[in-house]
Amino acid sequence: MGPLTVPAVVLLGPQQPQPDVGAALSDLGVKGQVALITAGWQEREREDATLIATLGVKAVNLKLHARSEKVFAADKELSQAAKARQARLKAVNDFYRIRLDHAFEAAHAISVRHVDPELLAEEQHESVEALKQLDGDHLERCQASHDQFVQKWAPNERPAVAKHRHELHAIIDDSEAIVVMGGHVVSLLNRMKLFDVVGLTKTQRWFAAAAGAMVLTERIYLFHDFPPHGTGIAEVLDWGFGLVRDLVVLPDPSHRIRLDDRAGIARFVQRIAPASCLAMDRGARVYAEHGHVRGGFCHRLCADGQVEEGWTG
């Protein structure tokens, strides 16, 4: 997919218990209306009063989740096609997870072998390359599925979608910035794709928190070293919108990453290379111009497994 650029993007960490996106808007001089995206909150999308009270500017919620429900109620054919696509993507992801689990088992078994250090380093490199290949293949299959869906169903041209895109375009045109909150990353990604929200923007700046930050980068990785069930193996979910390139963001690392696991951190950072990996706790910020990171304040995960706390660029 081709890279997209915008004049300015600010990525933020988790917004609980006290949102700081309003402070970010103020720091960058945003005084006009902002368009708000809370589609990751799903059915709670409209419960935005507390958040809006902290923004310091007028905010209009784009209500992408509610709009998608209306679209699928009005266009049954598109609804069925979208459900079929998601079912296929889930099946593809299940097969990817099976391969990934085996690759991780192999990588771990190799990493604890007592052999010549130079040979072990070579074999560990091969383990990382196998993981990179699995990730790349999965992303290609995801993109192929999305491309086929758009080519066959042309959602932007269907009346039910076009009506809402016209309304969204008017709101976004009157907005100085776009604020994207977190929540359920798949729901957020799919709703933003359905209405091609990125394609409706021009010079607006973007402020995106947690899962919102994830979807604005090129590749979205799901991760949790302390999962309530299953294995804690990071997996690539899908392509993001690519407004920030060469970066993978991991929100809420204090609760989701085993920061003392140097081997695991090293393997992941090498796996996503040449992209950088930034972990974003509450209060973190990353600033990007024209698709490239220019600085910020967060933690950087390094290829040797170290964590550079208080990274500023």
C-alpha atoms as a PDB file:
ATOM      1  CA  MET A   1       0.000   0.000   0.000  1.00  0.00           C
ATOM      2  CA  GLY A   2       1.268   3.493  -0.778  1.00  0.00           C
ATOM      3  CA  PRO A   3       2.355   5.757   2.065  1.00  0.00           C
ATOM      4  CA  LEU A   4       0.150   8.659   3.057  1.00  0.00           C
ATOM      5  CA  THR A   5       1.358  11.875   4.629  1.00  0.00           C
ATOM      6  CA  VAL A   6      -0.275  14.623   6.674  1.00  0.00           C
ATOM      7  CA  PRO A   7       1.168  17.897   7.949  1.00  0.00           C
ATOM      8  CA  ALA A   8       1.305  16.840  11.608  1.00  0.00           C
ATOM      9  CA  VAL A   9       0.459  13.829  13.741  1.00  0.00           C
ATOM     10  CA  VAL A  10       0.628  13.574  17.519  1.00  0.00           C
ATOM     11  CA  LEU A  11       0.469  10.095  19.035  1.00  0.00           C
ATOM     12  CA  LEU A  12      -0.449   9.711  22.702  1.00  0.00           C
ATOM     13  CA  GLY A  13      -0.578   6.954  25.288  1.00  0.00           C
ATOM     14  CA  PRO A  14      -3.584   5.612  27.244  1.00  0.00           C
ATOM     15  CA  GLN A  15      -6.141   8.206  28.311  1.00  0.00           C
ATOM     16  CA  GLN A  16      -7.287   6.654  31.577  1.00  0.00           C
ATOM     17  CA  PRO A  17      -7.904   7.692  34.252  1.00  0.00           C
ATOM     18  CA  GLN A  18      -7.374  11.318  33.168  1.00  0.00           C
ATOM     19  CA  PRO A  19      -7.239  12.236  29.452  1.00  0.00           C
ATOM     20  CA  ASP A  20      -4.332  14.410  28.338  1.00  0.00           C
ATOM     21  CA  VAL A  21      -5.300  14.852  24.693  1.00  0.00           C
ATOM     22  CA  GLY A  22      -6.724  18.275  25.579  1.00  0.00           C
ATOM     23  CA  ALA A  23      -3.299  19.357  26.824  1.00  0.00           C
ATOM     24  CA  ALA A  24      -1.760  18.165  23.554  1.00  0.00           C
ATOM     25  CA  LEU A  25      -4.287  20.193  21.555  1.00  0.00           C
ATOM     26  CA  SER A  26      -3.491  23.263  23.626  1.00  0.00           C
ATOM     27  CA  ASP A  27       0.274  22.783  23.370  1.00  0.00           C
ATOM     28  CA  LEU A  28       0.071  22.712  19.578  1.00  0.00           C
ATOM     29  CA  GLY A  29      -2.196  25.745  19.416  1.00  0.00           C
ATOM     30  CA  VAL A  30      -5.410  24.063  18.284  1.00  0.00           C
ATOM     31  CA  LYS A  31      -8.255  26.478  19.030  1.00  0.00           C
ATOM     32  CA  GLY A  32     -10.912  25.570  16.476  1.00  0.00           C
ATOM     33  CA  GLN A  33     -13.357  22.692  16.219  1.00  0.00           C
ATOM     34  CA  VAL A  34     -12.042  19.127  16.288  1.00  0.00           C
ATOM     35  CA  ALA A  35     -13.637  16.044  14.756  1.00  0.00           C
ATOM     36  CA  LEU A  36     -13.770  13.259  17.341  1.00  0.00           C
ATOM     37  CA  ILE A  37     -13.540   9.536  16.595  1.00  0.00           C
ATOM     38  CA  THR A  38     -14.569   7.168  19.394  1.00  0.00           C
ATOM     39  CA  ALA A  39     -15.523   4.181  17.213  1.00  0.00           C
ATOM     40  CA  GLY A  40     -13.173   1.984  19.245  1.00  0.00           C
ATOM     41  CA  TRP A  41     -15.604   2.361  22.144  1.00  0.00           C
ATOM     42  CA  GLN A  42     -18.198   0.531  20.000  1.00  0.00           C
ATOM     43  CA  GLU A  43     -21.684   0.796  21.560  1.00  0.00           C
ATOM     44  CA  ARG A  44     -20.384   3.338  24.097  1.00  0.00           C
ATOM     45  CA  GLU A  45     -19.279   5.631  21.293  1.00  0.00           C
ATOM     46  CA  ARG A  46     -21.681   8.419  22.317  1.00  0.00           C
ATOM     47  CA  GLU A  47     -20.505   8.464  25.950  1.00  0.00           C
ATOM     48  CA  ASP A  48     -18.074  11.263  25.183  1.00  0.00           C
ATOM     49  CA  ALA A  49     -19.230  14.116  27.442  1.00  0.00           C
ATOM     50  CA  THR A  50     -16.523  13.609  30.069  1.00  0.00           C
ATOM     51  CA  LEU A  51     -13.817  13.473  27.413  1.00  0.00           C
ATOM     52  CA  ILE A  52     -15.089  16.517  25.513  1.00  0.00           C
ATOM     53  CA  ALA A  53     -15.131  18.524  28.741  1.00  0.00           C
ATOM     54  CA  THR A  54     -11.344  18.046  28.960  1.00  0.00           C
ATOM     55  CA  LEU A  55     -10.517  19.024  25.366  1.00  0.00           C
ATOM     56  CA  GLY A  56     -10.819  22.781  25.767  1.00  0.00           C
ATOM     57  CA  VAL A  57     -12.272  23.218  22.269  1.00  0.00           C
ATOM     58  CA  LYS A  58     -15.509  22.423  20.450  1.00  0.00           C
ATOM     59  CA  ALA A  59     -15.694  18.771  19.416  1.00  0.00           C
ATOM     60  CA  VAL A  60     -18.061  17.015  17.020  1.00  0.00           C
ATOM     61  CA  ASN A  61     -18.195  13.236  17.295  1.00  0.00           C
ATOM     62  CA  LEU A  62     -18.174  11.601  13.857  1.00  0.00           C
ATOM     63  CA  LYS A  63     -20.132   8.639  15.311  1.00  0.00           C
ATOM     64  CA  LEU A  64     -18.528   6.161  12.944  1.00  0.00           C
ATOM     65  CA  HIS A  65     -19.788   3.121  14.843  1.00  0.00           C
ATOM     66  CA  ALA A  66     -23.404   4.303  14.759  1.00  0.00           C
ATOM     67  CA  ARG A  67     -23.055   5.310  11.113  1.00  0.00           C
ATOM     68  CA  SER A  68     -21.720   1.866  10.207  1.00  0.00           C
ATOM     69  CA  GLU A  69     -24.726   0.243  11.873  1.00  0.00           C
ATOM     70  CA  LYS A  70     -27.027   2.431   9.779  1.00  0.00           C
ATOM     71  CA  VAL A  71     -25.111   1.603   6.607  1.00  0.00           C
ATOM     72  CA  PHE A  72     -25.333  -2.139   7.179  1.00  0.00           C
ATOM     73  CA  ALA A  73     -29.026  -1.898   8.072  1.00  0.00           C
ATOM     74  CA  ALA A  74     -29.725  -0.037   4.825  1.00  0.00           C
ATOM     75  CA  ASP A  75     -27.401  -2.046   2.556  1.00  0.00           C
ATOM     76  CA  LYS A  76     -27.848  -5.743   3.351  1.00  0.00           C
ATOM     77  CA  GLU A  77     -25.684  -6.811   0.432  1.00  0.00           C
ATOM     78  CA  LEU A  78     -22.724  -4.790   1.675  1.00  0.00           C
ATOM     79  CA  SER A  79     -23.368  -5.987   5.221  1.00  0.00           C
ATOM     80  CA  GLN A  80     -23.190  -9.639   4.193  1.00  0.00           C
ATOM     81  CA  ALA A  81     -20.070  -9.012   2.131  1.00  0.00           C
ATOM     82  CA  ALA A  82     -18.371  -7.273   5.069  1.00  0.00           C
ATOM     83  CA  LYS A  83     -19.262 -10.136   7.409  1.00  0.00           C
ATOM     84  CA  ALA A  84     -17.916 -12.669   4.919  1.00  0.00           C
ATOM     85  CA  ARG A  85     -14.675 -10.717   4.600  1.00  0.00           C
ATOM     86  CA  GLN A  86     -14.251 -10.565   8.372  1.00  0.00           C
ATOM     87  CA  ALA A  87     -14.936 -14.293   8.690  1.00  0.00           C
ATOM     88  CA  ARG A  88     -12.273 -15.009   6.081  1.00  0.00           C
ATOM     89  CA  LEU A  89      -9.791 -12.664   7.769  1.00  0.00           C
ATOM     90  CA  LYS A  90     -10.416 -14.401  11.094  1.00  0.00           C
ATOM     91  CA  ALA A  91      -9.748 -17.799   9.528  1.00  0.00           C
ATOM     92  CA  VAL A  92      -6.575 -16.502   7.873  1.00  0.00           C
ATOM     93  CA  ASN A  93      -5.490 -15.064  11.225  1.00  0.00           C
ATOM     94  CA  ASP A  94      -6.125 -18.390  12.960  1.00  0.00           C
ATOM     95  CA  PHE A  95      -3.825 -20.172  10.500  1.00  0.00           C
ATOM     96  CA  TYR A  96      -1.220 -17.433  10.920  1.00  0.00           C
ATOM     97  CA  ARG A  97      -1.374 -17.911  14.703  1.00  0.00           C
ATOM     98  CA  ILE A  98      -0.769 -21.644  14.350  1.00  0.00           C
ATOM     99  CA  ARG A  99       2.335 -21.023  12.259  1.00  0.00           C
ATOM    100  CA  LEU A 100       3.451 -18.244  14.604  1.00  0.00           C
ATOM    101  CA  ASP A 101       3.109 -20.441  17.698  1.00  0.00           C
ATOM    102  CA  HIS A 102       5.315 -23.117  16.138  1.00  0.00           C
ATOM    103  CA  ALA A 103       7.869 -20.555  14.983  1.00  0.00           C
ATOM    104  CA  PHE A 104       8.075 -19.133  18.508  1.00  0.00           C
ATOM    105  CA  GLU A 105       8.492 -22.577  20.031  1.00  0.00           C
ATOM    106  CA  ALA A 106      11.341 -23.228  17.613  1.00  0.00           C
ATOM    107  CA  ALA A 107      12.926 -19.841  18.336  1.00  0.00           C
ATOM    108  CA  HIS A 108      12.835 -20.500  22.074  1.00  0.00           C
ATOM    109  CA  ALA A 109      14.245 -24.018  21.719  1.00  0.00           C
ATOM    110  CA  ILE A 110      17.109 -22.666  19.620  1.00  0.00           C
ATOM    111  CA  SER A 111      17.811 -19.755  21.977  1.00  0.00           C
ATOM    112  CA  VAL A 112      18.590 -22.042  24.950  1.00  0.00           C
ATOM    113  CA  ARG A 113      21.001 -24.320  23.089  1.00  0.00           C
ATOM    114  CA  HIS A 114      24.563 -24.396  24.432  1.00  0.00           C
ATOM    115  CA  VAL A 115      26.601 -24.102  21.258  1.00  0.00           C
ATOM    116  CA  ASP A 116      29.271 -21.848  19.799  1.00  0.00           C
ATOM    117  CA  PRO A 117      28.080 -18.236  20.395  1.00  0.00           C
ATOM    118  CA  GLU A 118      28.662 -17.238  16.779  1.00  0.00           C
ATOM    119  CA  LEU A 119      26.598 -20.170  15.519  1.00  0.00           C
ATOM    120  CA  LEU A 120      23.864 -19.451  18.062  1.00  0.00           C
ATOM    121  CA  ALA A 121      23.693 -15.813  16.920  1.00  0.00           C
ATOM    122  CA  GLU A 122      23.305 -16.982  13.316  1.00  0.00           C
ATOM    123  CA  GLU A 123      20.514 -19.381  14.245  1.00  0.00           C
ATOM    124  CA  GLN A 124      18.718 -16.755  16.317  1.00  0.00           C
ATOM    125  CA  HIS A 125      18.888 -14.432  13.320  1.00  0.00           C
ATOM    126  CA  GLU A 126      17.266 -17.155  11.213  1.00  0.00           C
ATOM    127  CA  SER A 127      14.518 -17.471  13.844  1.00  0.00           C
ATOM    128  CA  VAL A 128      13.790 -13.755  13.579  1.00  0.00           C
ATOM    129  CA  GLU A 129      13.769 -13.941   9.784  1.00  0.00           C
ATOM    130  CA  ALA A 130      11.195 -16.745   9.949  1.00  0.00           C
ATOM    131  CA  LEU A 131       8.952 -14.564  12.116  1.00  0.00           C
ATOM    132  CA  LYS A 132       9.375 -11.599   9.767  1.00  0.00           C
ATOM    133  CA  GLN A 133       8.390 -13.821   6.839  1.00  0.00           C
ATOM    134  CA  LEU A 134       5.240 -15.005   8.606  1.00  0.00           C
ATOM    135  CA  ASP A 135       4.278 -11.416   9.438  1.00  0.00           C
ATOM    136  CA  GLY A 136       4.917 -10.237   5.887  1.00  0.00           C
ATOM    137  CA  ASP A 137       2.913 -13.078   4.355  1.00  0.00           C
ATOM    138  CA  HIS A 138       0.001 -12.395   6.706  1.00  0.00           C
ATOM    139  CA  LEU A 139      -0.026  -8.695   5.838  1.00  0.00           C
ATOM    140  CA  GLU A 140      -0.022  -9.522   2.122  1.00  0.00           C
ATOM    141  CA  ARG A 141      -3.034 -11.796   2.551  1.00  0.00           C
ATOM    142  CA  CYS A 142      -4.878  -9.167   4.597  1.00  0.00           C
ATOM    143  CA  GLN A 143      -4.203  -6.529   1.952  1.00  0.00           C
ATOM    144  CA  ALA A 144      -5.339  -8.845  -0.836  1.00  0.00           C
ATOM    145  CA  SER A 145      -8.616  -9.447   1.003  1.00  0.00           C
ATOM    146  CA  HIS A 146      -9.202  -5.715   1.487  1.00  0.00           C
ATOM    147  CA  ASP A 147      -8.327  -4.945  -2.131  1.00  0.00           C
ATOM    148  CA  GLN A 148     -10.720  -7.607  -3.425  1.00  0.00           C
ATOM    149  CA  PHE A 149     -13.491  -6.259  -1.204  1.00  0.00           C
ATOM    150  CA  VAL A 150     -13.053  -2.685  -2.426  1.00  0.00           C
ATOM    151  CA  GLN A 151     -12.737  -3.745  -6.065  1.00  0.00           C
ATOM    152  CA  LYS A 152     -15.884  -5.880  -5.964  1.00  0.00           C
ATOM    153  CA  TRP A 153     -18.123  -3.774  -3.735  1.00  0.00           C
ATOM    154  CA  ALA A 154     -16.788  -0.193  -4.151  1.00  0.00           C
ATOM    155  CA  PRO A 155     -18.207   0.883  -0.765  1.00  0.00           C
ATOM    156  CA  ASN A 156     -17.548   4.601  -1.305  1.00  0.00           C
ATOM    157  CA  GLU A 157     -19.824   4.549  -4.341  1.00  0.00           C
ATOM    158  CA  ARG A 158     -22.742   2.811  -2.644  1.00  0.00           C
ATOM    159  CA  PRO A 159     -25.543   5.239  -1.692  1.00  0.00           C
ATOM    160  CA  ALA A 160     -25.694   4.209   1.968  1.00  0.00           C
ATOM    161  CA  VAL A 161     -21.976   4.920   2.452  1.00  0.00           C
ATOM    162  CA  ALA A 162     -21.819   7.957   0.157  1.00  0.00           C
ATOM    163  CA  LYS A 163     -24.560   9.700   2.157  1.00  0.00           C
ATOM    164  CA  HIS A 164     -22.567   9.441   5.379  1.00  0.00           C
ATOM    165  CA  ARG A 165     -19.286  10.345   3.698  1.00  0.00           C
ATOM    166  CA  HIS A 166     -20.909  13.554   2.461  1.00  0.00           C
ATOM    167  CA  GLU A 167     -21.948  14.414   6.027  1.00  0.00           C
ATOM    168  CA  LEU A 168     -18.532  13.459   7.415  1.00  0.00           C
ATOM    169  CA  HIS A 169     -16.768  15.548   4.790  1.00  0.00           C
ATOM    170  CA  ALA A 170     -18.711  18.638   5.886  1.00  0.00           C
ATOM    171  CA  ILE A 171     -17.808  18.103   9.559  1.00  0.00           C
ATOM    172  CA  ILE A 172     -14.142  17.429   8.811  1.00  0.00           C
ATOM    173  CA  ASP A 173     -13.906  20.454   6.510  1.00  0.00           C
ATOM    174  CA  ASP A 174     -15.018  22.634   9.430  1.00  0.00           C
ATOM    175  CA  SER A 175     -12.503  21.022  11.789  1.00  0.00           C
ATOM    176  CA  GLU A 176      -8.962  22.096  12.573  1.00  0.00           C
ATOM    177  CA  ALA A 177      -7.899  18.684  13.855  1.00  0.00           C
ATOM    178  CA  ILE A 178      -8.962  15.044  14.128  1.00  0.00           C
ATOM    179  CA  VAL A 179      -8.900  13.337  17.533  1.00  0.00           C
ATOM    180  CA  VAL A 180      -8.865   9.524  17.491  1.00  0.00           C
ATOM    181  CA  MET A 181      -9.424   7.730  20.787  1.00  0.00           C
ATOM    182  CA  GLY A 182      -8.539   4.108  21.538  1.00  0.00           C
ATOM    183  CA  GLY A 183     -10.597   1.090  22.520  1.00  0.00           C
ATOM    184  CA  HIS A 184     -11.228  -1.938  20.302  1.00  0.00           C
ATOM    185  CA  VAL A 185      -8.590  -1.591  17.611  1.00  0.00           C
ATOM    186  CA  VAL A 186     -10.323  -3.806  15.010  1.00  0.00           C
ATOM    187  CA  SER A 187     -13.624  -1.930  15.303  1.00  0.00           C
ATOM    188  CA  LEU A 188     -11.810   1.385  15.066  1.00  0.00           C
ATOM    189  CA  LEU A 189      -9.778   0.343  12.033  1.00  0.00           C
ATOM    190  CA  ASN A 190     -12.754  -1.118  10.168  1.00  0.00           C
ATOM    191  CA  ARG A 191     -15.026   1.897  10.742  1.00  0.00           C
ATOM    192  CA  MET A 192     -12.369   4.344   9.638  1.00  0.00           C
ATOM    193  CA  LYS A 193     -11.762   2.226   6.530  1.00  0.00           C
ATOM    194  CA  LEU A 194     -15.461   1.868   5.719  1.00  0.00           C
ATOM    195  CA  PHE A 195     -15.891   5.629   5.413  1.00  0.00           C
ATOM    196  CA  ASP A 196     -12.338   6.301   4.191  1.00  0.00           C
ATOM    197  CA  VAL A 197     -11.957   8.969   6.859  1.00  0.00           C
ATOM    198  CA  VAL A 198      -8.293   9.571   6.037  1.00  0.00           C
ATOM    199  CA  GLY A 199      -9.265  10.302   2.440  1.00  0.00           C
ATOM    200  CA  LEU A 200     -11.680  12.999   3.628  1.00  0.00           C
ATOM    201  CA  THR A 201      -8.988  15.023   5.388  1.00  0.00           C
ATOM    202  CA  LYS A 202      -6.828  17.784   3.938  1.00  0.00           C
ATOM    203  CA  THR A 203      -4.679  19.934   6.229  1.00  0.00           C
ATOM    204  CA  GLN A 204      -6.141  18.801   9.542  1.00  0.00           C
ATOM    205  CA  ARG A 205      -3.718  17.707  12.226  1.00  0.00           C
ATOM    206  CA  TRP A 206      -4.186  14.330  13.885  1.00  0.00           C
ATOM    207  CA  PHE A 207      -4.138  13.563  17.617  1.00  0.00           C
ATOM    208  CA  ALA A 208      -4.441   9.839  18.279  1.00  0.00           C
ATOM    209  CA  ALA A 209      -4.322   7.942  21.578  1.00  0.00           C
ATOM    210  CA  ALA A 210      -3.547   4.290  22.366  1.00  0.00           C
ATOM    211  CA  ALA A 211      -5.327   2.111  19.760  1.00  0.00           C
ATOM    212  CA  GLY A 212      -5.921   5.313  17.799  1.00  0.00           C
ATOM    213  CA  ALA A 213      -2.156   5.768  17.615  1.00  0.00           C
ATOM    214  CA  MET A 214      -1.740   2.172  16.462  1.00  0.00           C
ATOM    215  CA  VAL A 215      -4.084   2.526  13.479  1.00  0.00           C
ATOM    216  CA  LEU A 216      -2.288   5.633  12.180  1.00  0.00           C
ATOM    217  CA  THR A 217       1.017   3.763  11.820  1.00  0.00           C
ATOM    218  CA  GLU A 218       1.889   1.347   9.012  1.00  0.00           C
ATOM    219  CA  ARG A 219       1.600  -1.970  10.851  1.00  0.00           C
ATOM    220  CA  ILE A 220      -0.612  -2.818  13.821  1.00  0.00           C
ATOM    221  CA  TYR A 221       0.773  -5.354  16.285  1.00  0.00           C
ATOM    222  CA  LEU A 222      -1.339  -6.921  19.030  1.00  0.00           C
ATOM    223  CA  PHE A 223       0.689  -7.727  22.125  1.00  0.00           C
ATOM    224  CA  HIS A 224       0.264  -8.786  25.748  1.00  0.00           C
ATOM    225  CA  ASP A 225       2.919 -10.533  27.826  1.00  0.00           C
ATOM    226  CA  PHE A 226       0.337 -11.203  30.558  1.00  0.00           C
ATOM    227  CA  PRO A 227      -2.732 -12.454  28.628  1.00  0.00           C
ATOM    228  CA  PRO A 228      -5.759 -13.702  30.604  1.00  0.00           C
ATOM    229  CA  HIS A 229      -5.756 -16.745  28.320  1.00  0.00           C
ATOM    230  CA  GLY A 230      -3.704 -18.126  25.458  1.00  0.00           C
ATOM    231  CA  THR A 231      -0.063 -17.395  24.688  1.00  0.00           C
ATOM    232  CA  GLY A 232       1.487 -13.953  24.979  1.00  0.00           C
ATOM    233  CA  ILE A 233       2.965 -13.881  21.496  1.00  0.00           C
ATOM    234  CA  ALA A 234       2.807 -10.567  19.652  1.00  0.00           C
ATOM    235  CA  GLU A 235       1.066 -10.822  16.287  1.00  0.00           C
ATOM    236  CA  VAL A 236       0.624  -8.457  13.402  1.00  0.00           C
ATOM    237  CA  LEU A 237      -3.052  -7.622  12.941  1.00  0.00           C
ATOM    238  CA  ASP A 238      -3.199  -5.683   9.705  1.00  0.00           C
ATOM    239  CA  TRP A 239      -1.941  -2.642   7.869  1.00  0.00           C
ATOM    240  CA  GLY A 240      -2.708   0.698   9.466  1.00  0.00           C
ATOM    241  CA  PHE A 241      -3.200   3.962   7.572  1.00  0.00           C
ATOM    242  CA  GLY A 242       0.504   4.757   7.316  1.00  0.00           C
ATOM    243  CA  LEU A 243       0.276   8.379   8.418  1.00  0.00           C
ATOM    244  CA  VAL A 244       3.382   7.674  10.489  1.00  0.00           C
ATOM    245  CA  ARG A 245       5.913   5.422   8.794  1.00  0.00           C
ATOM    246  CA  ASP A 246       8.761   3.230  10.016  1.00  0.00           C
ATOM    247  CA  LEU A 247       7.232   2.975  13.488  1.00  0.00           C
ATOM    248  CA  VAL A 248       5.434   0.368  15.588  1.00  0.00           C
ATOM    249  CA  VAL A 249       3.744   1.724  18.725  1.00  0.00           C
ATOM    250  CA  LEU A 250       2.928  -0.341  21.810  1.00  0.00           C
ATOM    251  CA  PRO A 251       0.524   1.478  24.168  1.00  0.00           C
ATOM    252  CA  ASP A 252       0.347   0.796  27.916  1.00  0.00           C
ATOM    253  CA  PRO A 253       3.659  -1.100  28.235  1.00  0.00           C
ATOM    254  CA  SER A 254       3.633  -0.992  32.049  1.00  0.00           C
ATOM    255  CA  HIS A 255       0.659  -3.367  32.073  1.00  0.00           C
ATOM    256  CA  ARG A 256       1.261  -5.297  28.864  1.00  0.00           C
ATOM    257  CA  ILE A 257       5.010  -5.812  28.373  1.00  0.00           C
ATOM    258  CA  ARG A 258       7.495  -7.772  30.461  1.00  0.00           C
ATOM    259  CA  LEU A 259      10.077  -5.003  30.423  1.00  0.00           C
ATOM    260  CA  ASP A 260      12.750  -7.171  32.072  1.00  0.00           C
ATOM    261  CA  ASP A 261      12.541  -9.803  29.311  1.00  0.00           C
ATOM    262  CA  ARG A 262      15.538  -8.644  27.296  1.00  0.00           C
ATOM    263  CA  ALA A 263      15.508 -11.669  24.985  1.00  0.00           C
ATOM    264  CA  GLY A 264      11.826 -11.223  24.151  1.00  0.00           C
ATOM    265  CA  ILE A 265      12.171  -7.485  23.576  1.00  0.00           C
ATOM    266  CA  ALA A 266      15.244  -7.992  21.395  1.00  0.00           C
ATOM    267  CA  ARG A 267      13.472 -10.618  19.287  1.00  0.00           C
ATOM    268  CA  PHE A 268      10.434  -8.383  18.743  1.00  0.00           C
ATOM    269  CA  VAL A 269      12.430  -5.254  17.882  1.00  0.00           C
ATOM    270  CA  GLN A 270      14.569  -7.219  15.418  1.00  0.00           C
ATOM    271  CA  ARG A 271      11.395  -8.750  13.995  1.00  0.00           C
ATOM    272  CA  ILE A 272       9.855  -5.372  13.119  1.00  0.00           C
ATOM    273  CA  ALA A 273      13.117  -3.797  11.904  1.00  0.00           C
ATOM    274  CA  PRO A 274      13.927  -1.492  10.204  1.00  0.00           C
ATOM    275  CA  ALA A 275      10.944   0.198  11.878  1.00  0.00           C
ATOM    276  CA  SER A 276      11.494   1.664  15.336  1.00  0.00           C
ATOM    277  CA  CYS A 277       9.501   0.501  18.355  1.00  0.00           C
ATOM    278  CA  LEU A 278       8.131   3.040  20.836  1.00  0.00           C
ATOM    279  CA  ALA A 279       6.239   2.045  23.983  1.00  0.00           C
ATOM    280  CA  MET A 280       3.726   4.629  25.160  1.00  0.00           C
ATOM    281  CA  ASP A 281       2.488   4.852  28.728  1.00  0.00           C
ATOM    282  CA  ARG A 282       0.092   7.503  29.985  1.00  0.00           C
ATOM    283  CA  GLY A 283       1.569  10.959  29.315  1.00  0.00           C
ATOM    284  CA  ALA A 284       3.687   9.800  26.385  1.00  0.00           C
ATOM    285  CA  ARG A 285       3.796  11.705  23.112  1.00  0.00           C
ATOM    286  CA  VAL A 286       5.271  11.145  19.682  1.00  0.00           C
ATOM    287  CA  TYR A 287       5.409  13.952  17.127  1.00  0.00           C
ATOM    288  CA  ALA A 288       5.513  13.246  13.401  1.00  0.00           C
ATOM    289  CA  GLU A 289       5.805  15.524  10.375  1.00  0.00           C
ATOM    290  CA  HIS A 290       5.150  14.371   6.810  1.00  0.00           C
ATOM    291  CA  GLY A 291       5.047  10.749   7.905  1.00  0.00           C
ATOM    292  CA  HIS A 292       8.285  10.711   9.901  1.00  0.00           C
ATOM    293  CA  VAL A 293       8.862  10.800  13.655  1.00  0.00           C
ATOM    294  CA  ARG A 294      10.507  14.050  14.747  1.00  0.00           C
ATOM    295  CA  GLY A 295      10.608  13.531  18.512  1.00  0.00           C
ATOM    296  CA  GLY A 296       8.497  12.957  21.563  1.00  0.00           C
ATOM    297  CA  PHE A 297       8.589  11.563  25.058  1.00  0.00           C
ATOM    298  CA  CYS A 298       8.131   7.826  25.637  1.00  0.00           C
ATOM    299  CA  HIS A 299      10.145   4.607  25.940  1.00  0.00           C
ATOM    300  CA  ARG A 300      12.144   3.160  23.055  1.00  0.00           C
ATOM    301  CA  LEU A 301      12.615  -0.591  22.843  1.00  0.00           C
ATOM    302  CA  CYS A 302      16.048  -1.464  21.482  1.00  0.00           C
ATOM    303  CA  ALA A 303      17.370  -4.329  19.361  1.00  0.00           C
ATOM    304  CA  ASP A 304      19.615  -5.501  22.214  1.00  0.00           C
ATOM    305  CA  GLY A 305      16.610  -5.874  24.523  1.00  0.00           C
ATOM    306  CA  GLN A 306      17.261  -2.702  26.485  1.00  0.00           C
ATOM    307  CA  VAL A 307      14.512  -0.174  27.230  1.00  0.00           C
ATOM    308  CA  GLU A 308      15.489   3.461  26.737  1.00  0.00           C
ATOM    309  CA  GLU A 309      13.230   5.233  29.204  1.00  0.00           C
ATOM    310  CA  GLY A 310      12.393   8.873  28.609  1.00  0.00           C
ATOM    311  CA  TRP A 311      13.313   8.738  24.915  1.00  0.00           C
ATOM    312  CA  THR A 312      12.952  12.168  23.279  1.00  0.00           C
ATOM    313  CA  GLY A 313      14.122  11.490  19.737  1.00  0.00           C
END
